[in-house]
Amino acid sequence: MPENFNPLIIPFASSMVGMIPFLINLAVNHFDKKSHKAQRDADLQYLNQRVNFLNGWLKLHQDVSNQEQMKSVKEVLSEELQDVYEEFAHALLEVDKESKKRHDLMIRVKNTNFFKKLFLLYTPYNVRGWLYHTFYYMCTLPLVAGFGFEIYKYFQTQTWFEDIPNDYLIVGIGLAVGAIAFHWLGRAAARDTEQRMATLERKTTPLGKSASS
């Protein structure tokens, strides 16, 4: 190992690596949800405008057209309304997909055991969770890396935690306090979702049982 190698590079690099999943997930989710919601709102608004136009178009023909002309008008109107219905059904399907996402989230919450909660080894449920999980690992990974470096140094020099600068000790204590704090905040962010899913499960389970019986 080079003589000018600074051991602090290892925990610093570990912290930066810990930021990568949070930044990627935050950016992707933000733009995906924003564009998806905007597209769905635009589709529903367009369908509403089509229905209003067809309604006004029908009323206008009722005032100026004879019975023979009204037959062709109603045929065109029927085809247009069928298109509107199909597009509206597609929009409802998107709403069903959102319901499925909530159901999948409920399953994820139920499958998160004590061990995963203890070390935050589950995929966060929301943006706050991603934020605190990331900061938790930014604090934890440098501690693990520093401890691993001490193990490596022990095998090289047969010395254990010897001549550690006070600055390193202060940084280590700060990282340990930060890891505990962000772990608590991460679990607090998860508990909001877990309680919401538990409430939703209590509301939906009796309906499922009654329907099956």
C-alpha atoms as a PDB file:
ATOM      1  CA  MET A   1       0.000   0.000   0.000  1.00  0.00           C
ATOM      2  CA  PRO A   2       1.478   3.473  -0.869  1.00  0.00           C
ATOM      3  CA  GLU A   3       2.917   5.432   2.054  1.00  0.00           C
ATOM      4  CA  ASN A   4       0.802   8.495   1.294  1.00  0.00           C
ATOM      5  CA  PHE A   5      -2.457   6.465   1.250  1.00  0.00           C
ATOM      6  CA  ASN A   6      -5.099   8.085   3.449  1.00  0.00           C
ATOM      7  CA  PRO A   7      -7.398   5.527   5.130  1.00  0.00           C
ATOM      8  CA  LEU A   8     -10.209   8.106   5.180  1.00  0.00           C
ATOM      9  CA  ILE A   9     -10.552   7.595   1.418  1.00  0.00           C
ATOM     10  CA  ILE A  10     -12.194   4.222   2.083  1.00  0.00           C
ATOM     11  CA  PRO A  11     -15.081   5.462   4.259  1.00  0.00           C
ATOM     12  CA  PHE A  12     -15.516   8.517   2.031  1.00  0.00           C
ATOM     13  CA  ALA A  13     -15.824   6.338  -1.066  1.00  0.00           C
ATOM     14  CA  SER A  14     -18.258   4.058   0.788  1.00  0.00           C
ATOM     15  CA  SER A  15     -20.449   7.040   1.634  1.00  0.00           C
ATOM     16  CA  MET A  16     -20.543   8.172  -1.971  1.00  0.00           C
ATOM     17  CA  VAL A  17     -21.480   4.680  -3.140  1.00  0.00           C
ATOM     18  CA  GLY A  18     -24.314   4.668  -0.598  1.00  0.00           C
ATOM     19  CA  MET A  19     -25.791   7.769  -2.259  1.00  0.00           C
ATOM     20  CA  ILE A  20     -26.106   6.174  -5.711  1.00  0.00           C
ATOM     21  CA  PRO A  21     -29.265   4.046  -5.201  1.00  0.00           C
ATOM     22  CA  PHE A  22     -31.094   6.904  -3.497  1.00  0.00           C
ATOM     23  CA  LEU A  23     -30.347   9.411  -6.254  1.00  0.00           C
ATOM     24  CA  ILE A  24     -31.291   6.992  -9.034  1.00  0.00           C
ATOM     25  CA  ASN A  25     -34.520   5.881  -7.366  1.00  0.00           C
ATOM     26  CA  LEU A  26     -35.548   9.412  -6.427  1.00  0.00           C
ATOM     27  CA  ALA A  27     -35.030  10.753  -9.946  1.00  0.00           C
ATOM     28  CA  VAL A  28     -36.719   7.847 -11.724  1.00  0.00           C
ATOM     29  CA  ASN A  29     -39.744   7.749  -9.393  1.00  0.00           C
ATOM     30  CA  HIS A  30     -40.212  11.506  -9.498  1.00  0.00           C
ATOM     31  CA  PHE A  31     -40.308  11.802 -13.279  1.00  0.00           C
ATOM     32  CA  ASP A  32     -42.222   8.541 -13.758  1.00  0.00           C
ATOM     33  CA  LYS A  33     -45.008   9.436 -11.320  1.00  0.00           C
ATOM     34  CA  LYS A  34     -45.215  13.009 -12.559  1.00  0.00           C
ATOM     35  CA  SER A  35     -45.484  12.050 -16.235  1.00  0.00           C
ATOM     36  CA  HIS A  36     -47.871   9.154 -15.519  1.00  0.00           C
ATOM     37  CA  LYS A  37     -50.272  11.304 -13.486  1.00  0.00           C
ATOM     38  CA  ALA A  38     -50.140  14.148 -16.014  1.00  0.00           C
ATOM     39  CA  GLN A  39     -50.906  11.761 -18.879  1.00  0.00           C
ATOM     40  CA  ARG A  40     -53.839  10.173 -17.040  1.00  0.00           C
ATOM     41  CA  ASP A  41     -55.312  13.576 -16.117  1.00  0.00           C
ATOM     42  CA  ALA A  42     -54.951  14.734 -19.720  1.00  0.00           C
ATOM     43  CA  ASP A  43     -56.688  11.587 -21.017  1.00  0.00           C
ATOM     44  CA  LEU A  44     -59.628  11.999 -18.643  1.00  0.00           C
ATOM     45  CA  GLN A  45     -59.976  15.668 -19.522  1.00  0.00           C
ATOM     46  CA  TYR A  46     -59.953  14.798 -23.226  1.00  0.00           C
ATOM     47  CA  LEU A  47     -62.657  12.149 -22.725  1.00  0.00           C
ATOM     48  CA  ASN A  48     -64.812  14.627 -20.836  1.00  0.00           C
ATOM     49  CA  GLN A  49     -64.443  17.164 -23.658  1.00  0.00           C
ATOM     50  CA  ARG A  50     -65.411  14.524 -26.238  1.00  0.00           C
ATOM     51  CA  VAL A  51     -68.564  13.599 -24.312  1.00  0.00           C
ATOM     52  CA  ASN A  52     -69.557  17.257 -23.971  1.00  0.00           C
ATOM     53  CA  PHE A  53     -68.971  17.814 -27.692  1.00  0.00           C
ATOM     54  CA  LEU A  54     -70.990  14.745 -28.701  1.00  0.00           C
ATOM     55  CA  ASN A  55     -73.821  15.779 -26.395  1.00  0.00           C
ATOM     56  CA  GLY A  56     -73.947  19.245 -27.921  1.00  0.00           C
ATOM     57  CA  TRP A  57     -73.618  17.823 -31.431  1.00  0.00           C
ATOM     58  CA  LEU A  58     -76.601  15.498 -30.839  1.00  0.00           C
ATOM     59  CA  LYS A  59     -78.784  18.311 -29.490  1.00  0.00           C
ATOM     60  CA  LEU A  60     -77.939  20.485 -32.493  1.00  0.00           C
ATOM     61  CA  HIS A  61     -78.921  17.725 -34.941  1.00  0.00           C
ATOM     62  CA  GLN A  62     -82.141  17.107 -33.057  1.00  0.00           C
ATOM     63  CA  ASP A  63     -83.118  20.698 -33.807  1.00  0.00           C
ATOM     64  CA  VAL A  64     -82.170  20.792 -37.492  1.00  0.00           C
ATOM     65  CA  SER A  65     -82.257  17.192 -38.822  1.00  0.00           C
ATOM     66  CA  ASN A  66     -85.156  14.999 -39.912  1.00  0.00           C
ATOM     67  CA  GLN A  67     -85.708  11.384 -38.817  1.00  0.00           C
ATOM     68  CA  GLU A  68     -83.776   9.905 -41.751  1.00  0.00           C
ATOM     69  CA  GLN A  69     -80.767  12.087 -41.030  1.00  0.00           C
ATOM     70  CA  MET A  70     -80.978  11.309 -37.309  1.00  0.00           C
ATOM     71  CA  LYS A  71     -80.459   7.618 -38.023  1.00  0.00           C
ATOM     72  CA  SER A  72     -77.014   8.227 -39.521  1.00  0.00           C
ATOM     73  CA  VAL A  73     -76.232  10.739 -36.753  1.00  0.00           C
ATOM     74  CA  LYS A  74     -77.042   8.149 -34.092  1.00  0.00           C
ATOM     75  CA  GLU A  75     -74.878   5.545 -35.852  1.00  0.00           C
ATOM     76  CA  VAL A  76     -71.891   7.909 -35.834  1.00  0.00           C
ATOM     77  CA  LEU A  77     -72.672   8.860 -32.238  1.00  0.00           C
ATOM     78  CA  SER A  78     -72.789   5.199 -31.212  1.00  0.00           C
ATOM     79  CA  GLU A  79     -69.349   4.557 -32.714  1.00  0.00           C
ATOM     80  CA  GLU A  80     -67.891   7.623 -31.024  1.00  0.00           C
ATOM     81  CA  LEU A  81     -69.352   6.677 -27.638  1.00  0.00           C
ATOM     82  CA  GLN A  82     -67.929   3.171 -28.014  1.00  0.00           C
ATOM     83  CA  ASP A  83     -64.470   4.688 -28.518  1.00  0.00           C
ATOM     84  CA  VAL A  84     -64.984   6.907 -25.477  1.00  0.00           C
ATOM     85  CA  TYR A  85     -66.067   3.915 -23.410  1.00  0.00           C
ATOM     86  CA  GLU A  86     -62.997   1.885 -24.412  1.00  0.00           C
ATOM     87  CA  GLU A  87     -60.631   4.725 -23.554  1.00  0.00           C
ATOM     88  CA  PHE A  88     -62.421   5.282 -20.238  1.00  0.00           C
ATOM     89  CA  ALA A  89     -62.144   1.566 -19.458  1.00  0.00           C
ATOM     90  CA  HIS A  90     -58.407   1.826 -20.131  1.00  0.00           C
ATOM     91  CA  ALA A  91     -58.201   4.717 -17.652  1.00  0.00           C
ATOM     92  CA  LEU A  92     -60.037   2.601 -15.067  1.00  0.00           C
ATOM     93  CA  LEU A  93     -57.527  -0.169 -15.717  1.00  0.00           C
ATOM     94  CA  GLU A  94     -54.779   2.257 -14.751  1.00  0.00           C
ATOM     95  CA  VAL A  95     -56.621   2.909 -11.482  1.00  0.00           C
ATOM     96  CA  ASP A  96     -56.779  -0.860 -10.924  1.00  0.00           C
ATOM     97  CA  LYS A  97     -53.016  -0.990 -11.429  1.00  0.00           C
ATOM     98  CA  GLU A  98     -52.636   1.572  -8.639  1.00  0.00           C
ATOM     99  CA  SER A  99     -54.785  -0.655  -6.419  1.00  0.00           C
ATOM    100  CA  LYS A 100     -52.531  -3.610  -7.271  1.00  0.00           C
ATOM    101  CA  LYS A 101     -49.501  -1.544  -6.297  1.00  0.00           C
ATOM    102  CA  ARG A 102     -51.103  -0.904  -2.902  1.00  0.00           C
ATOM    103  CA  HIS A 103     -51.783  -4.624  -2.530  1.00  0.00           C
ATOM    104  CA  ASP A 104     -48.178  -5.466  -3.452  1.00  0.00           C
ATOM    105  CA  LEU A 105     -46.983  -2.901  -0.926  1.00  0.00           C
ATOM    106  CA  MET A 106     -49.153  -4.550   1.722  1.00  0.00           C
ATOM    107  CA  ILE A 107     -47.496  -7.906   0.976  1.00  0.00           C
ATOM    108  CA  ARG A 108     -44.037  -6.331   1.174  1.00  0.00           C
ATOM    109  CA  VAL A 109     -44.848  -4.831   4.556  1.00  0.00           C
ATOM    110  CA  LYS A 110     -46.066  -8.199   5.868  1.00  0.00           C
ATOM    111  CA  ASN A 111     -42.886  -9.927   4.637  1.00  0.00           C
ATOM    112  CA  THR A 112     -40.550  -7.454   6.343  1.00  0.00           C
ATOM    113  CA  ASN A 113     -39.314  -9.369   9.387  1.00  0.00           C
ATOM    114  CA  PHE A 114     -37.510  -8.187  12.521  1.00  0.00           C
ATOM    115  CA  PHE A 115     -34.020  -8.869  11.132  1.00  0.00           C
ATOM    116  CA  LYS A 116     -34.654  -6.724   8.055  1.00  0.00           C
ATOM    117  CA  LYS A 117     -36.063  -3.928  10.196  1.00  0.00           C
ATOM    118  CA  LEU A 118     -33.093  -4.105  12.582  1.00  0.00           C
ATOM    119  CA  PHE A 119     -30.548  -3.468   9.825  1.00  0.00           C
ATOM    120  CA  LEU A 120     -32.831  -1.652   7.345  1.00  0.00           C
ATOM    121  CA  LEU A 121     -32.403  -4.477   4.834  1.00  0.00           C
ATOM    122  CA  TYR A 122     -35.744  -3.912   3.085  1.00  0.00           C
ATOM    123  CA  THR A 123     -36.638  -1.688   0.158  1.00  0.00           C
ATOM    124  CA  PRO A 124     -37.956   1.626   1.530  1.00  0.00           C
ATOM    125  CA  TYR A 125     -41.655   2.312   1.055  1.00  0.00           C
ATOM    126  CA  ASN A 126     -41.441   6.032   0.293  1.00  0.00           C
ATOM    127  CA  VAL A 127     -39.067   8.885  -0.536  1.00  0.00           C
ATOM    128  CA  ARG A 128     -38.455   9.706   3.135  1.00  0.00           C
ATOM    129  CA  GLY A 129     -37.507   6.089   3.692  1.00  0.00           C
ATOM    130  CA  TRP A 130     -35.035   6.181   0.797  1.00  0.00           C
ATOM    131  CA  LEU A 131     -33.526   9.368   2.183  1.00  0.00           C
ATOM    132  CA  TYR A 132     -33.008   8.049   5.718  1.00  0.00           C
ATOM    133  CA  HIS A 133     -31.892   4.598   4.529  1.00  0.00           C
ATOM    134  CA  THR A 134     -29.281   6.261   2.340  1.00  0.00           C
ATOM    135  CA  PHE A 135     -27.969   8.452   5.154  1.00  0.00           C
ATOM    136  CA  TYR A 136     -27.965   5.417   7.456  1.00  0.00           C
ATOM    137  CA  TYR A 137     -25.750   3.472   5.057  1.00  0.00           C
ATOM    138  CA  MET A 138     -23.603   6.531   4.435  1.00  0.00           C
ATOM    139  CA  CYS A 139     -22.841   6.439   8.154  1.00  0.00           C
ATOM    140  CA  THR A 140     -22.675   2.661   8.518  1.00  0.00           C
ATOM    141  CA  LEU A 141     -20.562   1.728   5.496  1.00  0.00           C
ATOM    142  CA  PRO A 142     -17.608   3.943   6.516  1.00  0.00           C
ATOM    143  CA  LEU A 143     -17.642   2.324   9.979  1.00  0.00           C
ATOM    144  CA  VAL A 144     -17.630  -1.136   8.420  1.00  0.00           C
ATOM    145  CA  ALA A 145     -14.924  -0.092   5.953  1.00  0.00           C
ATOM    146  CA  GLY A 146     -12.811   1.434   8.722  1.00  0.00           C
ATOM    147  CA  PHE A 147     -13.162  -1.665  10.861  1.00  0.00           C
ATOM    148  CA  GLY A 148     -12.254  -3.818   7.869  1.00  0.00           C
ATOM    149  CA  PHE A 149      -9.169  -1.689   7.292  1.00  0.00           C
ATOM    150  CA  GLU A 150      -8.134  -2.240  10.913  1.00  0.00           C
ATOM    151  CA  ILE A 151      -8.504  -6.006  10.427  1.00  0.00           C
ATOM    152  CA  TYR A 152      -6.347  -5.782   7.299  1.00  0.00           C
ATOM    153  CA  LYS A 153      -3.752  -3.731   9.166  1.00  0.00           C
ATOM    154  CA  TYR A 154      -3.743  -6.280  11.991  1.00  0.00           C
ATOM    155  CA  PHE A 155      -2.809  -9.082   9.590  1.00  0.00           C
ATOM    156  CA  GLN A 156      -0.060  -6.881   8.156  1.00  0.00           C
ATOM    157  CA  THR A 157       1.439  -5.468  11.383  1.00  0.00           C
ATOM    158  CA  GLN A 158      -0.055  -7.625  14.174  1.00  0.00           C
ATOM    159  CA  THR A 159      -1.248  -4.438  15.880  1.00  0.00           C
ATOM    160  CA  TRP A 160      -4.889  -3.848  16.804  1.00  0.00           C
ATOM    161  CA  PHE A 161      -6.339  -0.292  16.862  1.00  0.00           C
ATOM    162  CA  GLU A 162      -2.943   1.205  17.566  1.00  0.00           C
ATOM    163  CA  ASP A 163      -1.989   4.841  16.991  1.00  0.00           C
ATOM    164  CA  ILE A 164      -5.430   5.875  15.762  1.00  0.00           C
ATOM    165  CA  PRO A 165      -5.578   9.692  15.437  1.00  0.00           C
ATOM    166  CA  ASN A 166      -8.102  11.451  17.627  1.00  0.00           C
ATOM    167  CA  ASP A 167      -9.713  12.933  14.512  1.00  0.00           C
ATOM    168  CA  TYR A 168     -10.558   9.431  13.322  1.00  0.00           C
ATOM    169  CA  LEU A 169     -12.107   8.567  16.672  1.00  0.00           C
ATOM    170  CA  ILE A 170     -14.250  11.712  16.619  1.00  0.00           C
ATOM    171  CA  VAL A 171     -15.390  10.968  13.059  1.00  0.00           C
ATOM    172  CA  GLY A 172     -16.166   7.370  14.038  1.00  0.00           C
ATOM    173  CA  ILE A 173     -18.254   8.459  17.020  1.00  0.00           C
ATOM    174  CA  GLY A 174     -20.093  10.996  14.850  1.00  0.00           C
ATOM    175  CA  LEU A 175     -20.835   8.342  12.231  1.00  0.00           C
ATOM    176  CA  ALA A 176     -22.089   5.934  14.908  1.00  0.00           C
ATOM    177  CA  VAL A 177     -24.436   8.582  16.338  1.00  0.00           C
ATOM    178  CA  GLY A 178     -25.602   9.468  12.839  1.00  0.00           C
ATOM    179  CA  ALA A 179     -26.269   5.797  12.013  1.00  0.00           C
ATOM    180  CA  ILE A 180     -28.424   5.407  15.137  1.00  0.00           C
ATOM    181  CA  ALA A 181     -30.336   8.628  14.418  1.00  0.00           C
ATOM    182  CA  PHE A 182     -30.997   7.830  10.757  1.00  0.00           C
ATOM    183  CA  HIS A 183     -31.975   4.273  11.646  1.00  0.00           C
ATOM    184  CA  TRP A 184     -34.629   5.648  13.998  1.00  0.00           C
ATOM    185  CA  LEU A 185     -35.836   8.135  11.377  1.00  0.00           C
ATOM    186  CA  GLY A 186     -35.913   5.414   8.705  1.00  0.00           C
ATOM    187  CA  ARG A 187     -38.034   3.165  10.877  1.00  0.00           C
ATOM    188  CA  ALA A 188     -40.305   6.105  11.738  1.00  0.00           C
ATOM    189  CA  ALA A 189     -40.862   6.766   8.024  1.00  0.00           C
ATOM    190  CA  ALA A 190     -41.621   3.077   7.465  1.00  0.00           C
ATOM    191  CA  ARG A 191     -44.014   2.844  10.410  1.00  0.00           C
ATOM    192  CA  ASP A 192     -46.329   5.411   8.810  1.00  0.00           C
ATOM    193  CA  THR A 193     -46.721   3.155   5.778  1.00  0.00           C
ATOM    194  CA  GLU A 194     -46.870  -0.021   7.870  1.00  0.00           C
ATOM    195  CA  GLN A 195     -49.684   1.390  10.015  1.00  0.00           C
ATOM    196  CA  ARG A 196     -51.556   2.560   6.904  1.00  0.00           C
ATOM    197  CA  MET A 197     -51.253  -0.890   5.313  1.00  0.00           C
ATOM    198  CA  ALA A 198     -52.340  -2.577   8.552  1.00  0.00           C
ATOM    199  CA  THR A 199     -55.428  -0.346   8.690  1.00  0.00           C
ATOM    200  CA  LEU A 200     -56.191  -1.061   5.027  1.00  0.00           C
ATOM    201  CA  GLU A 201     -55.843  -4.799   5.632  1.00  0.00           C
ATOM    202  CA  ARG A 202     -58.260  -4.671   8.590  1.00  0.00           C
ATOM    203  CA  LYS A 203     -60.795  -2.849   6.420  1.00  0.00           C
ATOM    204  CA  THR A 204     -60.529  -5.157   3.403  1.00  0.00           C
ATOM    205  CA  THR A 205     -60.116  -8.572   5.042  1.00  0.00           C
ATOM    206  CA  PRO A 206     -63.716  -8.855   6.378  1.00  0.00           C
ATOM    207  CA  LEU A 207     -65.052  -7.980   2.909  1.00  0.00           C
ATOM    208  CA  GLY A 208     -62.953 -10.729   1.351  1.00  0.00           C
ATOM    209  CA  LYS A 209     -64.129 -13.288   3.888  1.00  0.00           C
ATOM    210  CA  SER A 210     -67.778 -12.373   3.481  1.00  0.00           C
ATOM    211  CA  ALA A 211     -67.504 -12.503  -0.287  1.00  0.00           C
ATOM    212  CA  SER A 212     -65.958 -15.982  -0.206  1.00  0.00           C
ATOM    213  CA  SER A 213     -68.593 -17.257   2.242  1.00  0.00           C
END
